Each structure stands twice: as structure tokens, then as C-alpha cells.
Amino acid sequence: LTVDTDTFYVDASNNAVSIGTTTAATLFSVATSTDIFNITLSGLVGIGTSSPASAFHIATSTDVFSVNANSGEVAIGAVATSSGYALSVLGSIQTSATSDFYSITLTRYPALIMTANNGDLDIGPNGFGDTIIEVDANTDLYVGSATSSAILTVQGSSGNVGVGTTTPSAVLDVYTNSANTALLVEQDGTGAILDIQNATGTVFYINNAGYVGVGTSTPGALLT
């Protein structure tokens, strides 16, 4: 059945109906020179595409919006697949607060991932194996390639800081098992190089001339 050439067209052999085209590629098609609206035989809905890749798929020259009916996942700027993420965004997210703008740029792999199962916050090119910064459910902060090999660790419970160790046992715990110097302190000004104090005053002191004072902050010789 054809009405006015292609105003309304029924393809009985393929069980297809179309408006604006006689080459219906789906169960129901609306088109001009480009695809406008399509419903496939499997029930997928496409706007701007005759081959929707998800339950609801909006596309122009690139994917705009997609909903995966099986997983319930939503994608903006990409096709929603069973990736494990409720929302996937390919592109930039911009929010406005008066005249200030904040932007998060996301590329092919997520740059920011929050896992709901344990409350971890991971920042990195792939979110997990290549994590740069991680805050876990215990509010511990890790900076490095991964939790097990973090370069810098701050324990949320104790406040201990570890450099080269993920289990600092003191307020500052520096560890290395290489030939590199474990701790380097440089003073290019006029202040002290090191001043270690307790509640009553200086315990150990090194001034900028290299003089060492034990129990004094005014050493008059190499060792006082």
C-alpha cells in the first residue's frame, strides 16, 4: 500500500510501515533525506538512526543518548552496554554556579569512578588498575599507581602519613628498599635545617651552617 508516492507506505512482505520513505528498514520508519524515527522488529527505538543499538537510542553523526533495557544503564555520547556503570558519559560535563563554571572531561575510559559497593573513590585513566588517587571506605588516601603500591598514603583513622609504604606505623613513615636516599632535607635560606622538639623545647637541632645541637637550638660548634 502506497499513499502519495512515499507519504505513507506499507511493505506487507517485510511487515514494515514507513512515512516519508519507501525503503523501510525497520518495523516503523519516519524519514526524509535522513532517518528521523525508527522502531525495529525487536522493539528498539531509534531517533536519527535506523539501527538503534539499545532500547532507546538517539544519534546524529555520533551517538547522543542511549538506554540499555537489559541492564538499565544510560549513556550520553555513547551506546549504553552492560558495562556495570549506571551512567556513562563520553565528553564533558559542565555545571554552572552563577558566573562560575566547573568541567569534568571524560575520555574513552572513565577518569573518575565511584564504586557503590564499598564507597571507594578512584581517579585515574582507567579508574581501577591505573588509579592515580584513591580514597577508600576507611577514608584512607592513596596516591600512586594502585592501593598496593601507593607512593603516598594518608590513613584516615590515625592521620599517619606513609611515603613508600601503605601501612605507616608513625605520624611520618618513610620507606624505601632501593639505593635511593630515603629522606632528603634542603635548606637554601637562613632558617634551621632541622628542629625536633618535645613539649618542653628543642631536642635535636641542625642550623643552616651544619652545626648540631642536642637539647639546644643555638649550637656553637659542629656538635653541642
Protein backbone atom coordinates (compact mmCIF):
# COMPACT_ATOMS: atom_id res chain seq x y z
CA LEU A 1 0.00 0.00 0.00
CA THR A 2 1.40 3.38 -1.06
CA VAL A 3 -0.13 6.81 -0.48
CA ASP A 4 1.20 9.77 -2.49
CA THR A 5 4.43 8.00 -3.51
CA ASP A 6 6.10 7.91 -0.10
CA THR A 7 3.87 9.86 2.28
CA PHE A 8 2.63 6.57 3.71
CA TYR A 9 3.98 3.17 2.70
CA VAL A 10 3.20 -0.37 3.85
CA ASP A 11 5.59 -3.21 2.99
CA ALA A 12 3.50 -6.32 3.59
CA SER A 13 6.28 -8.73 2.68
CA ASN A 14 8.54 -7.37 5.43
CA ASN A 15 5.79 -6.30 7.85
CA ALA A 16 7.08 -2.73 7.74
CA VAL A 17 5.37 0.66 7.73
CA SER A 18 7.05 3.91 6.79
CA ILE A 19 6.32 7.61 6.43
CA GLY A 20 8.41 9.69 4.04
CA THR A 21 10.28 6.73 2.54
CA THR A 22 9.54 3.52 0.63
CA THR A 23 12.67 1.77 1.84
CA ALA A 24 11.64 0.97 5.39
CA ALA A 25 14.47 -0.76 7.19
CA THR A 26 12.54 -1.28 10.41
CA LEU A 27 9.06 -2.17 11.66
CA PHE A 28 8.10 1.51 11.62
CA SER A 29 10.13 4.30 9.99
CA VAL A 30 9.77 8.05 9.65
CA ALA A 31 12.33 9.63 7.36
CA THR A 32 13.10 12.42 4.92
CA SER A 33 16.59 12.51 3.49
CA THR A 34 17.80 11.17 6.85
CA ASP A 35 16.36 8.83 9.45
CA ILE A 36 14.03 10.57 11.91
CA PHE A 37 12.29 7.84 13.89
CA ASN A 38 12.50 4.03 13.80
CA ILE A 39 11.11 1.07 15.69
CA THR A 40 12.77 -2.26 14.95
CA LEU A 41 11.14 -5.69 14.93
CA SER A 42 12.84 -6.38 18.29
CA GLY A 43 11.27 -3.28 19.82
CA LEU A 44 14.32 -0.99 19.80
CA VAL A 45 13.59 2.70 19.26
CA GLY A 46 15.94 4.90 17.30
CA ILE A 47 15.86 8.66 16.71
CA GLY A 48 18.23 9.75 13.96
CA THR A 49 19.28 6.15 13.31
CA SER A 50 17.70 3.17 11.58
CA SER A 51 19.83 0.72 13.55
CA PRO A 52 19.36 1.53 17.25
CA ALA A 53 21.87 -0.34 19.40
CA SER A 54 19.83 -0.13 22.59
CA ALA A 55 16.21 0.12 23.76
CA PHE A 56 16.22 3.88 23.16
CA HIS A 57 18.99 5.35 21.00
CA ILE A 58 19.38 8.96 19.83
CA ALA A 59 22.07 9.65 17.26
CA THR A 60 23.16 12.26 14.73
CA SER A 61 26.59 11.85 13.15
CA THR A 62 27.64 10.50 16.57
CA ASP A 63 25.81 8.75 19.41
CA VAL A 64 23.91 11.25 21.57
CA PHE A 65 21.84 9.27 24.07
CA SER A 66 21.27 5.58 24.71
CA VAL A 67 19.34 3.40 27.19
CA ASN A 68 20.07 -0.30 27.66
CA ALA A 69 16.81 -2.10 28.51
CA ASN A 70 18.53 -5.23 29.86
CA SER A 71 20.90 -3.55 32.31
CA GLY A 72 19.05 -0.27 32.83
CA GLU A 73 22.25 1.62 32.01
CA VAL A 74 22.21 5.06 30.41
CA ALA A 75 24.90 6.52 28.15
CA ILE A 76 25.39 10.08 26.92
CA GLY A 77 27.63 10.44 23.88
CA ALA A 78 27.96 6.67 23.56
CA VAL A 79 25.97 3.45 23.28
CA ALA A 80 24.79 2.01 26.61
CA THR A 81 26.17 -1.50 27.06
CA SER A 82 26.30 -3.87 30.05
CA SER A 83 29.45 -2.17 31.35
CA GLY A 84 28.49 -2.12 35.01
CA TYR A 85 28.02 1.66 35.15
CA ALA A 86 24.54 3.13 35.69
CA LEU A 87 25.57 6.26 33.77
CA SER A 88 28.36 6.62 31.20
CA VAL A 89 29.33 9.95 29.67
CA LEU A 90 31.68 10.42 26.74
CA GLY A 91 32.59 14.10 26.54
CA SER A 92 32.41 16.93 29.07
CA ILE A 93 30.08 17.63 31.98
CA GLN A 94 29.60 21.29 32.84
CA THR A 95 27.66 22.72 35.76
CA SER A 96 27.04 26.39 36.37
CA ALA A 97 27.03 28.27 39.65
CA THR A 98 26.26 31.92 38.84
CA SER A 99 29.17 33.00 36.65
CA ASP A 100 31.49 30.15 37.64
CA PHE A 101 31.79 27.01 35.53
CA TYR A 102 33.19 23.65 36.54
CA SER A 103 34.07 20.99 34.00
CA ILE A 104 34.93 17.31 34.18
CA THR A 105 36.38 15.97 30.95
CA LEU A 106 35.86 12.27 30.38
CA THR A 107 37.51 10.40 27.52
CA ARG A 108 37.21 6.85 26.21
CA TYR A 109 37.92 5.44 29.66
CA PRO A 110 36.36 6.95 32.79
CA ALA A 111 38.61 9.47 34.52
CA LEU A 112 36.51 9.49 37.67
CA ILE A 113 34.88 6.38 39.13
CA MET A 114 32.94 5.95 42.37
CA THR A 115 32.18 2.34 43.25
CA ALA A 116 28.93 1.92 45.13
CA ASN A 117 29.73 -1.47 46.67
CA ASN A 118 32.45 -0.23 49.02
CA GLY A 119 32.34 3.57 48.77
CA ASP A 120 35.75 3.92 47.12
CA LEU A 121 36.54 6.98 45.06
CA ASP A 122 39.10 6.30 42.32
CA ILE A 123 40.66 8.86 39.98
CA GLY A 124 42.79 7.71 37.06
CA PRO A 125 42.83 6.98 33.34
CA ASN A 126 41.06 3.63 33.77
CA GLY A 127 39.68 4.08 37.24
CA PHE A 128 40.96 0.81 38.73
CA GLY A 129 44.31 -0.71 37.65
CA ASP A 130 45.75 2.68 36.69
CA THR A 131 44.37 4.59 39.66
CA ILE A 132 46.26 7.78 40.50
CA ILE A 133 44.29 8.81 43.59
CA GLU A 134 42.07 6.58 45.71
CA VAL A 135 40.02 7.27 48.83
CA ASP A 136 38.64 4.04 50.27
CA ALA A 137 35.72 3.35 52.59
CA ASN A 138 38.01 3.83 55.63
CA THR A 139 38.81 7.38 54.40
CA ASP A 140 42.40 6.32 53.73
CA LEU A 141 44.00 8.33 50.91
CA TYR A 142 46.39 6.69 48.45
CA VAL A 143 48.41 8.50 45.79
CA GLY A 144 50.17 6.31 43.25
CA SER A 145 49.54 3.62 40.68
CA ALA A 146 47.32 1.48 42.95
CA THR A 147 46.47 0.89 46.61
CA SER A 148 49.03 -1.91 46.96
CA SER A 149 51.88 0.20 45.56
CA ALA A 150 50.88 3.73 46.54
CA ILE A 151 53.61 6.36 46.62
CA LEU A 152 51.87 8.37 49.35
CA THR A 153 49.39 7.10 51.93
CA VAL A 154 47.37 9.07 54.49
CA GLN A 155 45.45 6.94 57.00
CA GLY A 156 42.06 8.41 57.81
CA SER A 157 41.81 6.72 61.20
CA SER A 158 45.23 7.62 62.63
CA GLY A 159 46.38 10.51 60.44
CA ASN A 160 49.67 8.69 59.84
CA VAL A 161 51.43 9.52 56.58
CA GLY A 162 53.42 6.93 54.68
CA VAL A 163 55.87 7.63 51.88
CA GLY A 164 56.76 4.44 50.05
CA THR A 165 54.55 2.40 52.38
CA THR A 166 50.79 1.82 52.60
CA THR A 167 50.94 0.88 56.29
CA PRO A 168 52.60 3.81 58.08
CA SER A 169 53.28 2.99 61.74
CA ALA A 170 54.18 6.56 62.76
CA VAL A 171 52.97 10.09 62.08
CA LEU A 172 55.50 10.12 59.23
CA ASP A 173 56.84 6.82 57.95
CA VAL A 174 59.33 6.90 55.05
CA TYR A 175 60.36 3.61 53.47
CA THR A 176 62.49 2.53 50.54
CA ASN A 177 64.18 -0.73 49.63
CA SER A 178 66.24 0.77 46.82
CA ALA A 179 69.57 2.57 46.61
CA ASN A 180 67.76 5.93 46.61
CA THR A 181 68.04 8.30 49.58
CA ALA A 182 65.14 7.73 51.96
CA LEU A 183 64.86 11.32 53.18
CA LEU A 184 66.44 14.50 51.79
CA VAL A 185 66.09 17.89 53.53
CA GLU A 186 67.38 21.00 51.75
CA GLN A 187 67.61 24.50 53.23
CA ASP A 188 68.64 27.33 50.93
CA GLY A 189 67.61 30.11 53.29
CA THR A 190 68.72 31.26 56.73
CA GLY A 191 66.46 29.05 58.82
CA ALA A 192 67.28 25.79 60.53
CA ILE A 193 67.69 22.59 58.55
CA LEU A 194 66.02 20.52 61.25
CA ASP A 195 64.36 21.29 64.59
CA ILE A 196 62.94 18.35 66.54
CA GLN A 197 61.00 19.36 69.65
CA ASN A 198 59.01 17.85 72.51
CA ALA A 199 56.60 19.57 74.87
CA THR A 200 59.39 21.42 76.68
CA GLY A 201 61.52 22.58 73.77
CA THR A 202 64.20 21.58 71.28
CA VAL A 203 65.56 18.05 71.49
CA PHE A 204 67.65 17.94 68.31
CA TYR A 205 68.61 20.86 66.09
CA ILE A 206 70.68 21.43 62.96
CA ASN A 207 71.25 25.02 61.85
CA ASN A 208 71.97 26.17 58.30
CA ALA A 209 75.74 26.03 58.96
CA GLY A 210 75.51 22.30 59.71
CA TYR A 211 76.04 22.73 63.47
CA VAL A 212 74.20 20.13 65.53
CA GLY A 213 72.62 20.92 68.86
CA VAL A 214 71.33 18.30 71.28
CA GLY A 215 68.94 19.93 73.74
CA THR A 216 69.73 23.38 72.36
CA SER A 217 68.64 25.43 69.37
CA THR A 218 71.84 27.56 69.38
CA PRO A 219 74.74 25.16 68.75
CA GLY A 220 78.09 26.98 68.72
CA ALA A 221 80.12 24.09 67.29
CA LEU A 222 79.68 21.12 64.99
CA LEU A 223 78.20 19.26 67.94
CA THR A 224 76.90 21.00 71.05
